[in-house]
Amino acid sequence: MIYVLAALLPPLGLLLNGQPFSAIFNVLLIVFCAIFGLFFHILLLVPSAHAIIAVHMKREERRHREMVEAVRRYGPPPPYRY
């Protein structure tokens, strides 16, 4: 659901994902791309792409942090102990 929000309303999706500085950057990116997007239409997709990539990277970082914490707490999985 956060990916859909990031695609349709990029700054709001980034804010709800806990990335306020990326949201501010995205607003600036929207202004820049709205101006130059009149001539180069592909630029209108850049803010949404930035938000989707930023949300994905943040979720992967959280998943990695959880895995590292689980390995620290419980040790490596059984095949890797030897």
C-alpha atoms as a PDB file:
ATOM      1  CA  MET A   1       0.000   0.000   0.000  1.00  0.00           C
ATOM      2  CA  ILE A   2       2.879   2.361   0.741  1.00  0.00           C
ATOM      3  CA  TYR A   3       4.162   1.815  -2.800  1.00  0.00           C
ATOM      4  CA  VAL A   4       0.851   2.940  -4.308  1.00  0.00           C
ATOM      5  CA  LEU A   5       0.848   6.013  -2.097  1.00  0.00           C
ATOM      6  CA  ALA A   6       4.476   6.734  -3.056  1.00  0.00           C
ATOM      7  CA  ALA A   7       3.572   6.482  -6.741  1.00  0.00           C
ATOM      8  CA  LEU A   8       0.457   8.674  -6.580  1.00  0.00           C
ATOM      9  CA  LEU A   9       1.399  11.180  -3.846  1.00  0.00           C
ATOM     10  CA  PRO A  10       5.195  10.929  -3.527  1.00  0.00           C
ATOM     11  CA  PRO A  11       5.863  13.418  -0.680  1.00  0.00           C
ATOM     12  CA  LEU A  12       3.046  12.010   1.459  1.00  0.00           C
ATOM     13  CA  GLY A  13       4.227   8.452   0.865  1.00  0.00           C
ATOM     14  CA  LEU A  14       7.747   9.393   1.931  1.00  0.00           C
ATOM     15  CA  LEU A  15       6.503  11.202   5.037  1.00  0.00           C
ATOM     16  CA  LEU A  16       4.407   8.227   6.122  1.00  0.00           C
ATOM     17  CA  ASN A  17       7.419   5.975   5.564  1.00  0.00           C
ATOM     18  CA  GLY A  18       9.494   8.072   7.989  1.00  0.00           C
ATOM     19  CA  GLN A  19      11.656   9.961   5.477  1.00  0.00           C
ATOM     20  CA  PRO A  20      11.039  13.693   5.955  1.00  0.00           C
ATOM     21  CA  PHE A  21      14.196  14.897   4.179  1.00  0.00           C
ATOM     22  CA  SER A  22      13.436  12.757   1.146  1.00  0.00           C
ATOM     23  CA  ALA A  23       9.913  14.211   1.152  1.00  0.00           C
ATOM     24  CA  ILE A  24      11.288  17.765   1.094  1.00  0.00           C
ATOM     25  CA  PHE A  25      13.675  16.829  -1.700  1.00  0.00           C
ATOM     26  CA  ASN A  26      10.780  15.239  -3.560  1.00  0.00           C
ATOM     27  CA  VAL A  27       8.719  18.437  -3.344  1.00  0.00           C
ATOM     28  CA  LEU A  28      11.639  20.347  -4.868  1.00  0.00           C
ATOM     29  CA  LEU A  29      11.931  17.638  -7.503  1.00  0.00           C
ATOM     30  CA  ILE A  30       8.216  17.966  -8.298  1.00  0.00           C
ATOM     31  CA  VAL A  31       8.585  21.718  -8.835  1.00  0.00           C
ATOM     32  CA  PHE A  32      11.633  21.275 -11.074  1.00  0.00           C
ATOM     33  CA  CYS A  33      10.046  18.444 -13.052  1.00  0.00           C
ATOM     34  CA  ALA A  34       6.731  20.287 -13.430  1.00  0.00           C
ATOM     35  CA  ILE A  35       8.526  23.217 -15.043  1.00  0.00           C
ATOM     36  CA  PHE A  36      10.790  21.224 -17.354  1.00  0.00           C
ATOM     37  CA  GLY A  37       8.271  18.413 -17.809  1.00  0.00           C
ATOM     38  CA  LEU A  38       6.325  20.618 -20.183  1.00  0.00           C
ATOM     39  CA  PHE A  39       9.135  20.118 -22.705  1.00  0.00           C
ATOM     40  CA  PHE A  40      10.450  16.701 -21.668  1.00  0.00           C
ATOM     41  CA  HIS A  41       7.404  14.680 -20.633  1.00  0.00           C
ATOM     42  CA  ILE A  42       9.388  11.780 -19.156  1.00  0.00           C
ATOM     43  CA  LEU A  43      10.509  14.111 -16.340  1.00  0.00           C
ATOM     44  CA  LEU A  44       6.979  13.988 -14.925  1.00  0.00           C
ATOM     45  CA  LEU A  45       7.664  10.397 -13.778  1.00  0.00           C
ATOM     46  CA  VAL A  46      10.883  11.218 -11.911  1.00  0.00           C
ATOM     47  CA  PRO A  47       9.348  12.256  -8.541  1.00  0.00           C
ATOM     48  CA  SER A  48       7.239   9.091  -8.370  1.00  0.00           C
ATOM     49  CA  ALA A  49      10.211   6.927  -9.317  1.00  0.00           C
ATOM     50  CA  HIS A  50      12.325   8.620  -6.634  1.00  0.00           C
ATOM     51  CA  ALA A  51       9.665   7.983  -3.995  1.00  0.00           C
ATOM     52  CA  ILE A  52       9.204   4.315  -4.939  1.00  0.00           C
ATOM     53  CA  ILE A  53      12.960   3.674  -4.912  1.00  0.00           C
ATOM     54  CA  ALA A  54      13.413   5.502  -1.591  1.00  0.00           C
ATOM     55  CA  VAL A  55      10.575   3.540   0.042  1.00  0.00           C
ATOM     56  CA  HIS A  56      11.994   0.262  -1.258  1.00  0.00           C
ATOM     57  CA  MET A  57      15.495   1.040   0.015  1.00  0.00           C
ATOM     58  CA  LYS A  58      14.175   1.997   3.459  1.00  0.00           C
ATOM     59  CA  ARG A  59      12.143  -1.227   3.713  1.00  0.00           C
ATOM     60  CA  GLU A  60      15.165  -3.307   2.664  1.00  0.00           C
ATOM     61  CA  GLU A  61      17.287  -1.526   5.270  1.00  0.00           C
ATOM     62  CA  ARG A  62      14.726  -2.337   7.977  1.00  0.00           C
ATOM     63  CA  ARG A  63      14.554  -5.980   6.871  1.00  0.00           C
ATOM     64  CA  HIS A  64      18.352  -6.252   6.903  1.00  0.00           C
ATOM     65  CA  ARG A  65      18.533  -4.689  10.369  1.00  0.00           C
ATOM     66  CA  GLU A  66      15.979  -7.206  11.684  1.00  0.00           C
ATOM     67  CA  MET A  67      17.946 -10.121  10.203  1.00  0.00           C
ATOM     68  CA  VAL A  68      21.217  -8.939  11.728  1.00  0.00           C
ATOM     69  CA  GLU A  69      19.543  -8.498  15.112  1.00  0.00           C
ATOM     70  CA  ALA A  70      18.059 -12.003  14.919  1.00  0.00           C
ATOM     71  CA  VAL A  71      21.468 -13.509  14.095  1.00  0.00           C
ATOM     72  CA  ARG A  72      23.065 -11.605  16.978  1.00  0.00           C
ATOM     73  CA  ARG A  73      20.356 -12.699  19.387  1.00  0.00           C
ATOM     74  CA  TYR A  74      19.863 -16.343  18.378  1.00  0.00           C
ATOM     75  CA  GLY A  75      23.023 -17.179  16.440  1.00  0.00           C
ATOM     76  CA  PRO A  76      23.305 -18.255  12.824  1.00  0.00           C
ATOM     77  CA  PRO A  77      20.902 -20.825  11.355  1.00  0.00           C
ATOM     78  CA  PRO A  78      21.780 -24.524  11.922  1.00  0.00           C
ATOM     79  CA  PRO A  79      23.532 -25.256   8.577  1.00  0.00           C
ATOM     80  CA  TYR A  80      25.954 -22.363   9.127  1.00  0.00           C
ATOM     81  CA  ARG A  81      27.097 -23.204  12.650  1.00  0.00           C
ATOM     82  CA  TYR A  82      29.903 -25.563  11.635  1.00  0.00           C
END
